[in-house]
Amino acid sequence: MLRHELVIAFGRSNDLFREMKVKAIFKGLIYESLNDPDFMRIESRQIPSLHEEYDAAKAERQRDERKGHS
């Protein structure tokens, strides 16, 4: 009886949640993972721009250079 009243009031859960999906994104990668060729091969297919490595901090271009002035 209660179930019937709930269905009348709210509908069936199968009708409301047909396409429910969960997407998990793990963060906190360690340096060793980023140097593992197998991990990077798989990762680059999923998130192409995840990792870039530089010997020093990547420099930001000067404002004048962006506008085409030297």
PDB file of N, CA and C in Angstrom:
ATOM      1  N   MET A   1       0.809  -1.176   0.000  1.00  0.00           N
ATOM      2  CA  MET A   1       0.000   0.000   0.000  1.00  0.00           C
ATOM      3  C   MET A   1       0.872   1.268   0.000  1.00  0.00           C
ATOM      4  N   LEU A   2       1.853   1.343   0.872  1.00  0.00           N
ATOM      5  CA  LEU A   2       2.746   2.492   0.913  1.00  0.00           C
ATOM      6  C   LEU A   2       3.531   2.597  -0.399  1.00  0.00           C
ATOM      7  N   ARG A   3       4.015   1.474  -0.891  1.00  0.00           N
ATOM      8  CA  ARG A   3       4.768   1.458  -2.150  1.00  0.00           C
ATOM      9  C   ARG A   3       3.904   2.030  -3.283  1.00  0.00           C
ATOM     10  N   HIS A   4       2.662   1.617  -3.338  1.00  0.00           N
ATOM     11  CA  HIS A   4       1.730   2.092  -4.363  1.00  0.00           C
ATOM     12  C   HIS A   4       1.538   3.609  -4.258  1.00  0.00           C
ATOM     13  N   GLU A   5       1.407   4.115  -3.066  1.00  0.00           N
ATOM     14  CA  GLU A   5       1.228   5.549  -2.871  1.00  0.00           C
ATOM     15  C   GLU A   5       2.492   6.328  -3.272  1.00  0.00           C
ATOM     16  N   LEU A   6       3.659   5.765  -2.971  1.00  0.00           N
ATOM     17  CA  LEU A   6       4.909   6.414  -3.367  1.00  0.00           C
ATOM     18  C   LEU A   6       5.063   6.456  -4.882  1.00  0.00           C
ATOM     19  N   VAL A   7       4.676   5.365  -5.555  1.00  0.00           N
ATOM     20  CA  VAL A   7       4.736   5.322  -7.018  1.00  0.00           C
ATOM     21  C   VAL A   7       3.796   6.362  -7.612  1.00  0.00           C
ATOM     22  N   ILE A   8       2.620   6.491  -7.051  1.00  0.00           N
ATOM     23  CA  ILE A   8       1.668   7.498  -7.541  1.00  0.00           C
ATOM     24  C   ILE A   8       2.232   8.903  -7.333  1.00  0.00           C
ATOM     25  N   ALA A   9       2.838   9.150  -6.191  1.00  0.00           N
ATOM     26  CA  ALA A   9       3.337  10.492  -5.860  1.00  0.00           C
ATOM     27  C   ALA A   9       4.613  10.852  -6.623  1.00  0.00           C
ATOM     28  N   PHE A  10       5.533   9.889  -6.756  1.00  0.00           N
ATOM     29  CA  PHE A  10       6.854  10.217  -7.298  1.00  0.00           C
ATOM     30  C   PHE A  10       7.215   9.496  -8.591  1.00  0.00           C
ATOM     31  N   GLY A  11       6.458   8.507  -8.977  1.00  0.00           N
ATOM     32  CA  GLY A  11       6.793   7.711 -10.148  1.00  0.00           C
ATOM     33  C   GLY A  11       7.733   6.576  -9.786  1.00  0.00           C
ATOM     34  N   ARG A  12       8.079   5.784 -10.784  1.00  0.00           N
ATOM     35  CA  ARG A  12       8.972   4.643 -10.549  1.00  0.00           C
ATOM     36  C   ARG A  12      10.428   5.072 -10.695  1.00  0.00           C
ATOM     37  N   SER A  13      11.282   4.543  -9.845  1.00  0.00           N
ATOM     38  CA  SER A  13      12.697   4.921  -9.891  1.00  0.00           C
ATOM     39  C   SER A  13      13.334   4.537 -11.227  1.00  0.00           C
ATOM     40  N   ASN A  14      12.907   3.439 -11.831  1.00  0.00           N
ATOM     41  CA  ASN A  14      13.457   3.031 -13.124  1.00  0.00           C
ATOM     42  C   ASN A  14      13.179   4.081 -14.197  1.00  0.00           C
ATOM     43  N   ASP A  15      12.067   4.790 -14.094  1.00  0.00           N
ATOM     44  CA  ASP A  15      11.743   5.829 -15.067  1.00  0.00           C
ATOM     45  C   ASP A  15      12.578   7.093 -14.828  1.00  0.00           C
ATOM     46  N   LEU A  16      12.951   7.334 -13.589  1.00  0.00           N
ATOM     47  CA  LEU A  16      13.686   8.548 -13.255  1.00  0.00           C
ATOM     48  C   LEU A  16      15.196   8.408 -13.457  1.00  0.00           C
ATOM     49  N   PHE A  17      15.747   7.232 -13.254  1.00  0.00           N
ATOM     50  CA  PHE A  17      17.196   7.039 -13.236  1.00  0.00           C
ATOM     51  C   PHE A  17      17.683   6.073 -14.311  1.00  0.00           C
ATOM     52  N   ARG A  18      17.084   6.100 -15.455  1.00  0.00           N
ATOM     53  CA  ARG A  18      17.452   5.202 -16.534  1.00  0.00           C
ATOM     54  C   ARG A  18      18.906   5.355 -16.970  1.00  0.00           C
ATOM     55  N   GLU A  19      19.348   6.571 -17.156  1.00  0.00           N
ATOM     56  CA  GLU A  19      20.656   6.844 -17.721  1.00  0.00           C
ATOM     57  C   GLU A  19      21.678   7.320 -16.689  1.00  0.00           C
ATOM     58  N   MET A  20      21.559   6.947 -15.459  1.00  0.00           N
ATOM     59  CA  MET A  20      22.485   7.393 -14.437  1.00  0.00           C
ATOM     60  C   MET A  20      23.854   6.736 -14.656  1.00  0.00           C
ATOM     61  N   LYS A  21      24.902   7.560 -14.659  1.00  0.00           N
ATOM     62  CA  LYS A  21      26.262   7.067 -14.839  1.00  0.00           C
ATOM     63  C   LYS A  21      27.159   7.731 -13.809  1.00  0.00           C
ATOM     64  N   VAL A  22      28.249   7.069 -13.498  1.00  0.00           N
ATOM     65  CA  VAL A  22      29.240   7.609 -12.574  1.00  0.00           C
ATOM     66  C   VAL A  22      30.569   7.670 -13.311  1.00  0.00           C
ATOM     67  N   LYS A  23      31.250   8.794 -13.195  1.00  0.00           N
ATOM     68  CA  LYS A  23      32.569   8.959 -13.807  1.00  0.00           C
ATOM     69  C   LYS A  23      33.554   9.272 -12.696  1.00  0.00           C
ATOM     70  N   ALA A  24      34.583   8.453 -12.551  1.00  0.00           N
ATOM     71  CA  ALA A  24      35.586   8.653 -11.509  1.00  0.00           C
ATOM     72  C   ALA A  24      36.856   9.200 -12.136  1.00  0.00           C
ATOM     73  N   ILE A  25      37.377  10.274 -11.562  1.00  0.00           N
ATOM     74  CA  ILE A  25      38.632  10.852 -12.009  1.00  0.00           C
ATOM     75  C   ILE A  25      39.563  10.861 -10.806  1.00  0.00           C
ATOM     76  N   PHE A  26      40.661  10.140 -10.916  1.00  0.00           N
ATOM     77  CA  PHE A  26      41.628  10.071  -9.831  1.00  0.00           C
ATOM     78  C   PHE A  26      42.696  11.130 -10.037  1.00  0.00           C
ATOM     79  N   LYS A  27      43.012  11.837  -8.990  1.00  0.00           N
ATOM     80  CA  LYS A  27      44.036  12.874  -9.045  1.00  0.00           C
ATOM     81  C   LYS A  27      45.165  12.486  -8.107  1.00  0.00           C
ATOM     82  N   GLY A  28      46.190  13.279  -8.075  1.00  0.00           N
ATOM     83  CA  GLY A  28      47.300  13.016  -7.171  1.00  0.00           C
ATOM     84  C   GLY A  28      48.286  12.026  -7.754  1.00  0.00           C
ATOM     85  N   LEU A  29      48.560  12.150  -9.039  1.00  0.00           N
ATOM     86  CA  LEU A  29      49.530  11.266  -9.667  1.00  0.00           C
ATOM     87  C   LEU A  29      50.915  11.519  -9.094  1.00  0.00           C
ATOM     88  N   ILE A  30      51.695  10.473  -9.019  1.00  0.00           N
ATOM     89  CA  ILE A  30      53.056  10.628  -8.536  1.00  0.00           C
ATOM     90  C   ILE A  30      54.001  10.695  -9.727  1.00  0.00           C
ATOM     91  N   TYR A  31      55.164  11.243  -9.517  1.00  0.00           N
ATOM     92  CA  TYR A  31      56.150  11.441 -10.579  1.00  0.00           C
ATOM     93  C   TYR A  31      56.487  10.124 -11.269  1.00  0.00           C
ATOM     94  N   GLU A  32      56.569   9.049 -10.508  1.00  0.00           N
ATOM     95  CA  GLU A  32      56.894   7.747 -11.090  1.00  0.00           C
ATOM     96  C   GLU A  32      55.836   7.318 -12.113  1.00  0.00           C
ATOM     97  N   SER A  33      54.563   7.604 -11.843  1.00  0.00           N
ATOM     98  CA  SER A  33      53.504   7.261 -12.795  1.00  0.00           C
ATOM     99  C   SER A  33      53.686   8.030 -14.098  1.00  0.00           C
ATOM    100  N   LEU A  34      54.041   9.292 -13.981  1.00  0.00           N
ATOM    101  CA  LEU A  34      54.201  10.130 -15.165  1.00  0.00           C
ATOM    102  C   LEU A  34      55.433   9.746 -15.988  1.00  0.00           C
ATOM    103  N   ASN A  35      56.325   8.960 -15.402  1.00  0.00           N
ATOM    104  CA  ASN A  35      57.506   8.470 -16.120  1.00  0.00           C
ATOM    105  C   ASN A  35      57.362   7.018 -16.553  1.00  0.00           C
ATOM    106  N   ASP A  36      56.240   6.407 -16.285  1.00  0.00           N
ATOM    107  CA  ASP A  36      55.986   5.019 -16.677  1.00  0.00           C
ATOM    108  C   ASP A  36      55.440   5.003 -18.104  1.00  0.00           C
ATOM    109  N   PRO A  37      56.185   4.449 -19.072  1.00  0.00           N
ATOM    110  CA  PRO A  37      55.745   4.464 -20.478  1.00  0.00           C
ATOM    111  C   PRO A  37      54.375   3.828 -20.693  1.00  0.00           C
ATOM    112  N   ASP A  38      54.085   2.734 -19.996  1.00  0.00           N
ATOM    113  CA  ASP A  38      52.779   2.077 -20.161  1.00  0.00           C
ATOM    114  C   ASP A  38      51.653   2.985 -19.665  1.00  0.00           C
ATOM    115  N   PHE A  39      51.860   3.609 -18.507  1.00  0.00           N
ATOM    116  CA  PHE A  39      50.847   4.518 -17.965  1.00  0.00           C
ATOM    117  C   PHE A  39      50.621   5.685 -18.923  1.00  0.00           C
ATOM    118  N   MET A  40      51.706   6.288 -19.401  1.00  0.00           N
ATOM    119  CA  MET A  40      51.586   7.456 -20.273  1.00  0.00           C
ATOM    120  C   MET A  40      50.921   7.100 -21.606  1.00  0.00           C
ATOM    121  N   ARG A  41      51.170   5.911 -22.123  1.00  0.00           N
ATOM    122  CA  ARG A  41      50.538   5.479 -23.369  1.00  0.00           C
ATOM    123  C   ARG A  41      49.026   5.401 -23.187  1.00  0.00           C
ATOM    124  N   ILE A  42      48.593   4.781 -22.110  1.00  0.00           N
ATOM    125  CA  ILE A  42      47.160   4.641 -21.833  1.00  0.00           C
ATOM    126  C   ILE A  42      46.550   6.001 -21.496  1.00  0.00           C
ATOM    127  N   GLU A  43      47.227   6.759 -20.678  1.00  0.00           N
ATOM    128  CA  GLU A  43      46.728   8.070 -20.246  1.00  0.00           C
ATOM    129  C   GLU A  43      46.573   9.023 -21.417  1.00  0.00           C
ATOM    130  N   SER A  44      47.527   9.028 -22.351  1.00  0.00           N
ATOM    131  CA  SER A  44      47.483  10.006 -23.438  1.00  0.00           C
ATOM    132  C   SER A  44      46.287   9.796 -24.357  1.00  0.00           C
ATOM    133  N   ARG A  45      45.743   8.591 -24.376  1.00  0.00           N
ATOM    134  CA  ARG A  45      44.525   8.348 -25.164  1.00  0.00           C
ATOM    135  C   ARG A  45      43.305   8.946 -24.476  1.00  0.00           C
ATOM    136  N   GLN A  46      43.324   9.002 -23.159  1.00  0.00           N
ATOM    137  CA  GLN A  46      42.171   9.490 -22.394  1.00  0.00           C
ATOM    138  C   GLN A  46      42.231  10.995 -22.137  1.00  0.00           C
ATOM    139  N   ILE A  47      43.405  11.496 -21.778  1.00  0.00           N
ATOM    140  CA  ILE A  47      43.581  12.911 -21.443  1.00  0.00           C
ATOM    141  C   ILE A  47      44.845  13.391 -22.158  1.00  0.00           C
ATOM    142  N   PRO A  48      44.737  13.809 -23.412  1.00  0.00           N
ATOM    143  CA  PRO A  48      45.924  14.145 -24.208  1.00  0.00           C
ATOM    144  C   PRO A  48      46.818  15.223 -23.609  1.00  0.00           C
ATOM    145  N   SER A  49      46.307  16.149 -22.846  1.00  0.00           N
ATOM    146  CA  SER A  49      47.125  17.261 -22.349  1.00  0.00           C
ATOM    147  C   SER A  49      47.417  17.163 -20.853  1.00  0.00           C
ATOM    148  N   LEU A  50      47.461  15.963 -20.309  1.00  0.00           N
ATOM    149  CA  LEU A  50      47.660  15.815 -18.866  1.00  0.00           C
ATOM    150  C   LEU A  50      49.049  16.252 -18.415  1.00  0.00           C
ATOM    151  N   HIS A  51      50.072  15.914 -19.174  1.00  0.00           N
ATOM    152  CA  HIS A  51      51.427  16.059 -18.642  1.00  0.00           C
ATOM    153  C   HIS A  51      52.358  16.701 -19.656  1.00  0.00           C
ATOM    154  N   GLU A  52      53.003  17.785 -19.240  1.00  0.00           N
ATOM    155  CA  GLU A  52      54.092  18.391 -19.992  1.00  0.00           C
ATOM    156  C   GLU A  52      55.231  18.583 -19.008  1.00  0.00           C
ATOM    157  N   GLU A  53      56.448  18.304 -19.428  1.00  0.00           N
ATOM    158  CA  GLU A  53      57.588  18.417 -18.524  1.00  0.00           C
ATOM    159  C   GLU A  53      58.612  19.365 -19.120  1.00  0.00           C
ATOM    160  N   TYR A  54      59.184  20.228 -18.269  1.00  0.00           N
ATOM    161  CA  TYR A  54      60.179  21.207 -18.679  1.00  0.00           C
ATOM    162  C   TYR A  54      61.375  21.104 -17.749  1.00  0.00           C
ATOM    163  N   ASP A  55      62.570  21.463 -18.262  1.00  0.00           N
ATOM    164  CA  ASP A  55      63.764  21.482 -17.420  1.00  0.00           C
ATOM    165  C   ASP A  55      63.700  22.629 -16.421  1.00  0.00           C
ATOM    166  N   ALA A  56      63.003  23.697 -16.767  1.00  0.00           N
ATOM    167  CA  ALA A  56      62.813  24.850 -15.884  1.00  0.00           C
ATOM    168  C   ALA A  56      61.358  25.274 -16.004  1.00  0.00           C
ATOM    169  N   ALA A  57      60.964  26.232 -15.229  1.00  0.00           N
ATOM    170  CA  ALA A  57      59.585  26.712 -15.300  1.00  0.00           C
ATOM    171  C   ALA A  57      59.306  27.255 -16.696  1.00  0.00           C
ATOM    172  N   LYS A  58      58.142  26.930 -17.223  1.00  0.00           N
ATOM    173  CA  LYS A  58      57.757  27.410 -18.541  1.00  0.00           C
ATOM    174  C   LYS A  58      57.585  28.928 -18.476  1.00  0.00           C
ATOM    175  N   ALA A  59      58.296  29.633 -19.342  1.00  0.00           N
ATOM    176  CA  ALA A  59      58.252  31.098 -19.336  1.00  0.00           C
ATOM    177  C   ALA A  59      57.001  31.593 -20.034  1.00  0.00           C
ATOM    178  N   GLU A  60      56.447  32.649 -19.505  1.00  0.00           N
ATOM    179  CA  GLU A  60      55.319  33.292 -20.158  1.00  0.00           C
ATOM    180  C   GLU A  60      55.876  34.358 -21.090  1.00  0.00           C
ATOM    181  N   ARG A  61      55.337  34.430 -22.293  1.00  0.00           N
ATOM    182  CA  ARG A  61      55.819  35.405 -23.264  1.00  0.00           C
ATOM    183  C   ARG A  61      55.522  36.808 -22.767  1.00  0.00           C
ATOM    184  N   GLN A  62      56.408  37.723 -23.096  1.00  0.00           N
ATOM    185  CA  GLN A  62      56.221  39.119 -22.716  1.00  0.00           C
ATOM    186  C   GLN A  62      55.008  39.693 -23.432  1.00  0.00           C
ATOM    187  N   ARG A  63      54.351  40.651 -22.842  1.00  0.00           N
ATOM    188  CA  ARG A  63      53.154  41.256 -23.396  1.00  0.00           C
ATOM    189  C   ARG A  63      53.417  41.818 -24.797  1.00  0.00           C
ATOM    190  N   ASP A  64      54.566  42.490 -25.010  1.00  0.00           N
ATOM    191  CA  ASP A  64      54.889  43.052 -26.322  1.00  0.00           C
ATOM    192  C   ASP A  64      55.066  41.969 -27.368  1.00  0.00           C
ATOM    193  N   GLU A  65      55.634  40.837 -26.998  1.00  0.00           N
ATOM    194  CA  GLU A  65      55.821  39.732 -27.940  1.00  0.00           C
ATOM    195  C   GLU A  65      54.473  39.182 -28.394  1.00  0.00           C
ATOM    196  N   ARG A  66      53.497  39.135 -27.507  1.00  0.00           N
ATOM    197  CA  ARG A  66      52.173  38.624 -27.866  1.00  0.00           C
ATOM    198  C   ARG A  66      51.488  39.522 -28.891  1.00  0.00           C
ATOM    199  N   LYS A  67      51.758  40.801 -28.819  1.00  0.00           N
ATOM    200  CA  LYS A  67      51.118  41.743 -29.730  1.00  0.00           C
ATOM    201  C   LYS A  67      51.883  41.879 -31.043  1.00  0.00           C
ATOM    202  N   GLY A  68      53.031  41.197 -31.172  1.00  0.00           N
ATOM    203  CA  GLY A  68      53.800  41.262 -32.400  1.00  0.00           C
ATOM    204  C   GLY A  68      54.893  42.318 -32.376  1.00  0.00           C
ATOM    205  N   HIS A  69      55.160  42.940 -31.236  1.00  0.00           N
ATOM    206  CA  HIS A  69      56.236  43.927 -31.109  1.00  0.00           C
ATOM    207  C   HIS A  69      57.485  43.229 -30.612  1.00  0.00           C
ATOM    208  N   SER A  70      58.629  43.637 -31.051  1.00  0.00           N
ATOM    209  CA  SER A  70      59.890  43.047 -30.572  1.00  0.00           C
ATOM    210  C   SER A  70      60.659  44.012 -29.728  1.00  0.00           C
TER     211      SER A  70
END
